[in-house]
Protein backbone atom coordinates (compact mmCIF):
# COMPACT_ATOMS: atom_id res chain seq x y z
CA UNK A 1 0.00 0.00 0.00
CA UNK A 2 2.83 2.38 0.86
CA UNK A 3 4.65 1.50 -2.35
CA UNK A 4 1.53 2.16 -4.43
CA UNK A 5 1.22 5.63 -2.88
CA UNK A 6 4.91 6.54 -3.11
CA UNK A 7 4.33 9.47 -5.46
CA UNK A 8 1.59 10.92 -3.25
CA UNK A 9 3.88 10.61 -0.22
CA UNK A 10 6.71 12.28 -2.15
CA UNK A 11 4.52 15.19 -3.25
CA UNK A 12 3.16 15.63 0.28
CA UNK A 13 6.70 15.74 1.64
CA UNK A 14 7.77 18.32 -0.94
CA UNK A 15 4.73 20.47 -0.22
CA UNK A 16 5.30 20.26 3.55
CA UNK A 17 8.88 21.49 3.03
CA UNK A 18 7.54 24.30 0.85
CA UNK A 19 5.01 25.41 3.47
CA UNK A 20 7.73 25.21 6.13
CA UNK A 21 9.88 27.59 4.09
CA UNK A 22 6.96 29.94 3.43
CA UNK A 23 6.05 30.11 7.13
CA UNK A 24 9.72 30.00 8.17
CA UNK A 25 8.84 27.30 10.65
CA UNK A 26 10.96 24.23 11.36
CA UNK A 27 9.83 22.32 14.46
CA UNK A 28 8.24 25.57 15.74
CA UNK A 29 11.53 27.43 15.33
CA UNK A 30 12.29 30.27 12.89
CA UNK A 31 15.45 30.26 10.82
CA UNK A 32 17.27 33.59 10.45
CA UNK A 33 19.09 32.87 7.20
CA UNK A 34 18.96 36.31 5.53
CA UNK A 35 18.71 38.67 8.48
CA UNK A 36 15.59 40.48 9.64
CA UNK A 37 14.22 43.39 7.63
CA UNK A 38 13.20 45.25 10.80
CA UNK A 39 15.48 47.53 12.80
CA UNK A 40 14.98 49.06 16.25
CA UNK A 41 17.73 51.69 15.96
CA UNK A 42 15.67 54.31 13.98
CA UNK A 43 13.09 54.37 16.79
CA UNK A 44 15.69 56.03 19.07
CA UNK A 45 16.35 58.90 16.65
CA UNK A 46 14.64 62.27 16.77
CA UNK A 47 12.89 61.54 13.46
CA UNK A 48 11.41 58.40 14.95
CA UNK A 49 9.64 57.81 18.23
CA UNK A 50 12.57 59.29 20.19
CA UNK A 51 12.94 56.24 22.37
CA UNK A 52 15.43 56.10 25.21
CA UNK A 53 16.63 53.53 27.68
CA UNK A 54 14.10 54.87 30.15
CA UNK A 55 11.42 54.11 27.58
CA UNK A 56 12.59 50.51 27.38
CA UNK A 57 12.66 50.16 31.16
CA UNK A 58 9.23 51.70 31.66
CA UNK A 59 7.33 49.68 29.03
CA UNK A 60 6.99 45.94 28.91
CA UNK A 61 5.77 45.98 25.28
CA UNK A 62 6.69 48.46 22.55
CA UNK A 63 5.52 48.59 18.95
CA UNK A 64 7.72 49.29 15.96
CA UNK A 65 6.33 51.82 13.52
CA UNK A 66 7.03 50.78 9.90
CA UNK A 67 6.23 54.32 8.76
CA UNK A 68 9.44 55.59 10.42
CA UNK A 69 12.27 55.62 7.84
CA UNK A 70 14.71 52.79 8.42
CA UNK A 71 12.51 50.68 10.68
CA UNK A 72 11.25 48.43 7.89
CA UNK A 73 13.79 47.83 5.15
CA UNK A 74 11.76 45.44 3.03
CA UNK A 75 10.17 41.99 3.17
CA UNK A 76 12.08 38.87 4.07
CA UNK A 77 13.49 37.16 0.94
CA UNK A 78 11.78 33.82 1.61
CA UNK A 79 8.98 33.19 4.06
CA UNK A 80 8.10 35.00 7.28
CA UNK A 81 10.54 37.41 8.90
CA UNK A 82 12.05 35.71 11.99
CA UNK A 83 11.38 38.80 14.13
CA UNK A 84 7.72 37.78 14.29
CA UNK A 85 8.79 34.86 16.48
CA UNK A 86 9.39 37.26 19.38
CA UNK A 87 6.42 39.57 18.70
CA UNK A 88 3.44 39.63 21.04
CA UNK A 89 1.01 39.80 18.09
CA UNK A 90 2.64 36.81 16.44
CA UNK A 91 -0.50 34.66 16.43
CA UNK A 92 -2.67 37.46 15.09
CA UNK A 93 -0.36 38.07 12.16
CA UNK A 94 0.46 34.43 11.38
CA UNK A 95 -3.15 33.26 11.62
CA UNK A 96 -4.22 35.97 9.18
CA UNK A 97 -1.39 35.13 6.79
CA UNK A 98 -1.95 31.37 6.96
CA UNK A 99 -5.68 31.78 6.45
CA UNK A 100 -5.12 33.80 3.30
CA UNK A 101 -2.55 31.34 1.97
CA UNK A 102 -4.87 28.41 2.72
CA UNK A 103 -7.73 30.06 0.85
CA UNK A 104 -5.54 30.83 -2.17
CA UNK A 105 -4.00 27.35 -2.42
CA UNK A 106 -7.25 25.56 -1.60
CA UNK A 107 -9.34 27.41 -4.19
CA UNK A 108 -6.65 26.85 -6.84
CA UNK A 109 -6.70 23.12 -6.10
CA UNK A 110 -10.49 22.97 -6.25
CA UNK A 111 -10.60 24.84 -9.55
CA UNK A 112 -7.96 22.49 -10.93
CA UNK A 113 -9.96 19.44 -9.82
CA UNK A 114 -13.19 20.75 -11.33
CA UNK A 115 -11.34 21.56 -14.56
CA UNK A 116 -10.14 17.95 -14.79
CA UNK A 117 -13.75 16.75 -14.69
CA UNK A 118 -14.31 18.55 -17.99
CA UNK A 119 -12.01 16.09 -19.77
CA UNK A 120 -14.01 13.17 -18.32
CA UNK A 121 -17.29 14.65 -19.55
CA UNK A 122 -15.83 15.21 -23.01
CA UNK A 123 -14.38 11.70 -23.17
CA UNK A 124 -17.61 9.98 -22.11
CA UNK A 125 -19.66 12.41 -24.26
CA UNK A 126 -21.92 13.74 -21.51
CA UNK A 127 -22.94 17.28 -22.53
CA UNK A 128 -25.48 17.44 -19.71
CA UNK A 129 -22.71 17.24 -17.11
CA UNK A 130 -20.84 20.02 -18.92
CA UNK A 131 -23.67 22.54 -19.22
CA UNK A 132 -25.46 21.76 -15.94
CA UNK A 133 -22.48 20.58 -13.88
CA UNK A 134 -19.08 21.85 -14.89
CA UNK A 135 -20.00 25.37 -16.05
CA UNK A 136 -22.19 26.23 -13.01
CA UNK A 137 -19.53 24.87 -10.64
CA UNK A 138 -16.79 26.98 -12.19
CA UNK A 139 -18.97 30.09 -12.19
CA UNK A 140 -20.07 29.52 -8.57
CA UNK A 141 -16.53 29.08 -7.29
CA UNK A 142 -15.11 31.94 -9.34
CA UNK A 143 -17.77 34.48 -8.37
CA UNK A 144 -17.35 33.81 -4.64
CA UNK A 145 -13.98 32.31 -3.77
CA UNK A 146 -12.15 33.52 -6.86
CA UNK A 147 -13.33 37.03 -6.06
CA UNK A 148 -12.08 36.58 -2.49
CA UNK A 149 -8.60 35.71 -3.81
CA UNK A 150 -8.61 38.87 -5.91
CA UNK A 151 -9.48 40.87 -2.80
CA UNK A 152 -6.55 39.31 -0.92
CA UNK A 153 -4.04 40.31 -3.59
CA UNK A 154 -5.65 43.72 -3.95
CA UNK A 155 -5.31 44.38 -0.23
CA UNK A 156 -1.67 43.28 -0.25
CA UNK A 157 -0.81 45.69 -3.06
CA UNK A 158 -3.13 48.65 -2.33
CA UNK A 159 -2.06 49.30 1.27
CA UNK A 160 1.44 50.06 2.55
CA UNK A 161 3.00 50.96 5.89
CA UNK A 162 1.47 54.45 5.84
CA UNK A 163 -2.11 53.38 5.04
CA UNK A 164 -2.22 49.95 6.70
CA UNK A 165 -4.17 51.34 9.68
CA UNK A 166 -7.13 52.04 7.39
CA UNK A 167 -7.14 48.57 5.77
CA UNK A 168 -10.53 46.87 6.23
CA UNK A 169 -11.08 43.26 7.26
CA UNK A 170 -11.60 40.88 4.32
CA UNK A 171 -13.43 38.38 6.52
CA UNK A 172 -16.04 40.97 7.50
CA UNK A 173 -16.24 42.09 3.87
CA UNK A 174 -16.95 38.56 2.65
CA UNK A 175 -19.57 37.92 5.34
CA UNK A 176 -21.33 41.21 4.56
CA UNK A 177 -21.15 40.36 0.85
CA UNK A 178 -23.06 37.09 1.35
CA UNK A 179 -25.58 38.77 3.69
CA UNK A 180 -26.07 41.86 1.48
CA UNK A 181 -25.10 44.01 4.44
CA UNK A 182 -23.42 47.26 3.36
CA UNK A 183 -24.38 49.50 6.28
CA UNK A 184 -21.35 48.75 8.45
CA UNK A 185 -19.54 52.06 9.07
CA UNK A 186 -16.57 50.35 10.76
CA UNK A 187 -15.57 48.47 7.61
CA UNK A 188 -14.73 50.82 4.76
CA UNK A 189 -15.04 49.68 1.13
CA UNK A 190 -11.92 48.62 -0.72
CA UNK A 191 -12.74 50.34 -4.04
CA UNK A 192 -15.45 52.34 -5.75
CA UNK A 193 -18.49 50.48 -6.98
CA UNK A 194 -17.80 47.55 -4.68
CA UNK A 195 -21.41 47.18 -3.60
CA UNK A 196 -22.83 46.82 -7.12
CA UNK A 197 -20.16 44.34 -8.23
CA UNK A 198 -20.55 42.17 -5.14
CA UNK A 199 -24.35 42.09 -5.38
CA UNK A 200 -24.09 40.99 -9.02
CA UNK A 201 -21.56 38.26 -8.17
CA UNK A 202 -23.70 36.85 -5.37
CA UNK A 203 -26.79 36.79 -7.59
CA UNK A 204 -24.86 34.94 -10.30
CA UNK A 205 -23.63 32.41 -7.73
CA UNK A 206 -27.14 31.89 -6.37
CA UNK A 207 -28.47 31.36 -9.90
CA UNK A 208 -25.98 28.51 -10.40
CA UNK A 209 -27.34 26.52 -7.45
CA UNK A 210 -30.73 25.61 -9.02
CA UNK A 211 -28.97 24.69 -12.27
CA UNK A 212 -26.87 22.11 -10.44
CA UNK A 213 -29.45 20.79 -7.97
CA UNK A 214 -32.87 21.22 -9.62
CA UNK A 215 -32.56 21.59 -13.39
CA UNK A 216 -30.02 18.79 -13.78
CA UNK A 217 -32.09 16.51 -11.54
CA UNK A 218 -35.25 17.15 -13.55
CA UNK A 219 -33.48 16.48 -16.84
CA UNK A 220 -32.01 13.23 -15.51
CA UNK A 221 -35.42 12.15 -14.22
CA UNK A 222 -37.01 12.87 -17.59
CA UNK A 223 -34.35 10.80 -19.35
CA UNK A 224 -34.89 7.96 -16.89
CA UNK A 225 -38.65 7.97 -17.42
CA UNK A 226 -38.21 8.03 -21.20
CA UNK A 227 -35.84 5.04 -21.11
CA UNK A 228 -38.25 3.13 -18.88
CA UNK A 229 -41.09 3.91 -21.26
CA UNK A 230 -39.11 2.57 -24.20
CA UNK A 231 -38.16 -0.63 -22.35
CA UNK A 232 -41.79 -1.26 -21.38
CA UNK A 233 -42.86 -0.69 -24.97
CA UNK A 234 -40.32 -3.23 -26.20
CA UNK A 235 -41.47 -5.80 -23.65
CA UNK A 236 -45.11 -5.38 -24.67
CA UNK A 237 -44.33 -5.92 -28.38
CA UNK A 238 -45.04 -9.68 -29.11
CA UNK A 239 -42.76 -11.77 -31.28
CA UNK A 240 -45.66 -12.69 -33.60
CA UNK A 241 -46.09 -9.07 -34.68
CA UNK A 242 -42.37 -8.88 -35.38
CA UNK A 243 -42.53 -12.03 -37.51
CA UNK A 244 -45.50 -10.68 -39.47
CA UNK A 245 -43.71 -7.44 -40.17
CA UNK A 246 -40.63 -9.35 -41.32
CA UNK A 247 -42.73 -11.61 -43.60
CA UNK A 248 -44.35 -8.54 -45.13
CA UNK A 249 -40.88 -7.25 -45.91
CA UNK A 250 -39.96 -10.54 -47.57
CA UNK A 251 -37.75 -11.92 -44.81
CA UNK A 252 -38.61 -15.40 -43.58
CA UNK A 253 -38.51 -16.29 -39.92
CA UNK A 254 -36.10 -19.16 -40.59
CA UNK A 255 -33.51 -16.67 -41.87
CA UNK A 256 -33.83 -14.41 -38.88
CA UNK A 257 -34.14 -17.17 -36.28
CA UNK A 258 -36.96 -15.26 -34.52
CA UNK A 259 -39.36 -18.17 -34.07
CA UNK A 260 -41.57 -18.45 -31.06
CA UNK A 261 -39.67 -21.41 -29.65
CA UNK A 262 -36.22 -20.04 -30.52
CA UNK A 263 -36.34 -16.58 -28.96
CA UNK A 264 -35.15 -15.25 -25.64
CA UNK A 265 -35.58 -11.91 -23.89
CA UNK A 266 -32.49 -9.94 -22.86
CA UNK A 267 -33.12 -6.62 -21.11
CA UNK A 268 -36.58 -6.23 -22.60
CA UNK A 269 -35.44 -6.99 -26.18
CA UNK A 270 -36.28 -10.31 -27.86
CA UNK A 271 -33.20 -11.81 -29.44
CA UNK A 272 -33.06 -14.97 -31.56
CA UNK A 273 -30.94 -17.75 -30.07
CA UNK A 274 -30.74 -19.95 -33.14
CA UNK A 275 -33.00 -22.59 -34.74
CA UNK A 276 -35.24 -25.03 -32.89
CA UNK A 277 -34.39 -28.73 -32.47
CA UNK A 278 -36.39 -29.79 -35.56
CA UNK A 279 -34.78 -27.12 -37.71
CA UNK A 280 -31.34 -28.10 -36.38
CA UNK A 281 -31.95 -31.74 -37.36
CA UNK A 282 -33.00 -30.74 -40.87
CA UNK A 283 -29.92 -28.56 -41.25
CA UNK A 284 -27.63 -31.43 -40.09
CA UNK A 285 -29.27 -33.84 -42.58
CA UNK A 286 -28.77 -31.37 -45.43
CA UNK A 287 -25.10 -30.88 -44.53
CA UNK A 288 -24.49 -34.65 -44.40
CA UNK A 289 -26.15 -35.20 -47.76
CA UNK A 290 -24.14 -32.36 -49.26
CA UNK A 291 -20.86 -33.84 -47.99
CA UNK A 292 -21.80 -37.29 -49.33
CA UNK A 293 -22.55 -35.83 -52.77
CA UNK A 294 -19.19 -34.09 -52.83
CA UNK A 295 -17.46 -37.35 -51.87
CA UNK A 296 -19.17 -39.18 -54.76
CA UNK A 297 -18.06 -36.52 -57.23
CA UNK A 298 -14.42 -36.83 -56.12
CA UNK A 299 -14.53 -40.63 -56.44
CA UNK A 300 -15.88 -40.43 -60.00
CA UNK A 301 -13.13 -38.02 -61.06
CA UNK A 302 -10.34 -40.35 -59.87
CA UNK A 303 -9.08 -42.83 -62.55
């Protein structure tokens, strides 16, 4: 079993190493390979917060201001900056970052899996699953979760150290989007026209739900009833009527093998299983007489 899943285990190991590098976490320890991008020294200058040693002694917790020049020199080259390991708001920051990364990677995986189902529907020639399954699923996921991913990247790029205090919460935005609640004064909009776009996206997503659950079910039920009607109609059709129709067309029942004694029913369709015993005896007698005639002809030709 382990050998059969060796590639899955290998990919899981590679991805776990990747996530460990992204979170800069190895056995709950951060690795300071490139040096932190944060510096405390500018906070003691007159252009900064004008800290002093008395300030350090009188305060158990102090906050670095990234808006002060020199405090934040840029993001860590790979993963999370190791200085967050000693920060008091470590969990708040890491939980927010990990949640966003989980949403991005999870939605990408789901979209990839749904996209693979399209090839199955095309191979098995099932257009119903494409139009009432694949397309509504892609639209539903893109209008809700794909839009959420766009908001995550927009927030990362639109706000910097000087405007980060005014950045709204994406979680509250997404909840209000699904509830059509836009009267929250504590959560400012991210861009102009956000209300109209989000209302349209939610309506499109809601319209996809009946297509997948109701319309597809009704179409499948109609197909099932139609197939059952055809099978019942074939079962009710007697073999005598079929023989009469064949005789009218000039085809004898002995050629088709559809006699009353020599027919069987497979899945509601009557199929000939060969001649009857009397007909088989006649056919054997004819073959024997034919072979005997051929043997006589060969004996006469020999000198």
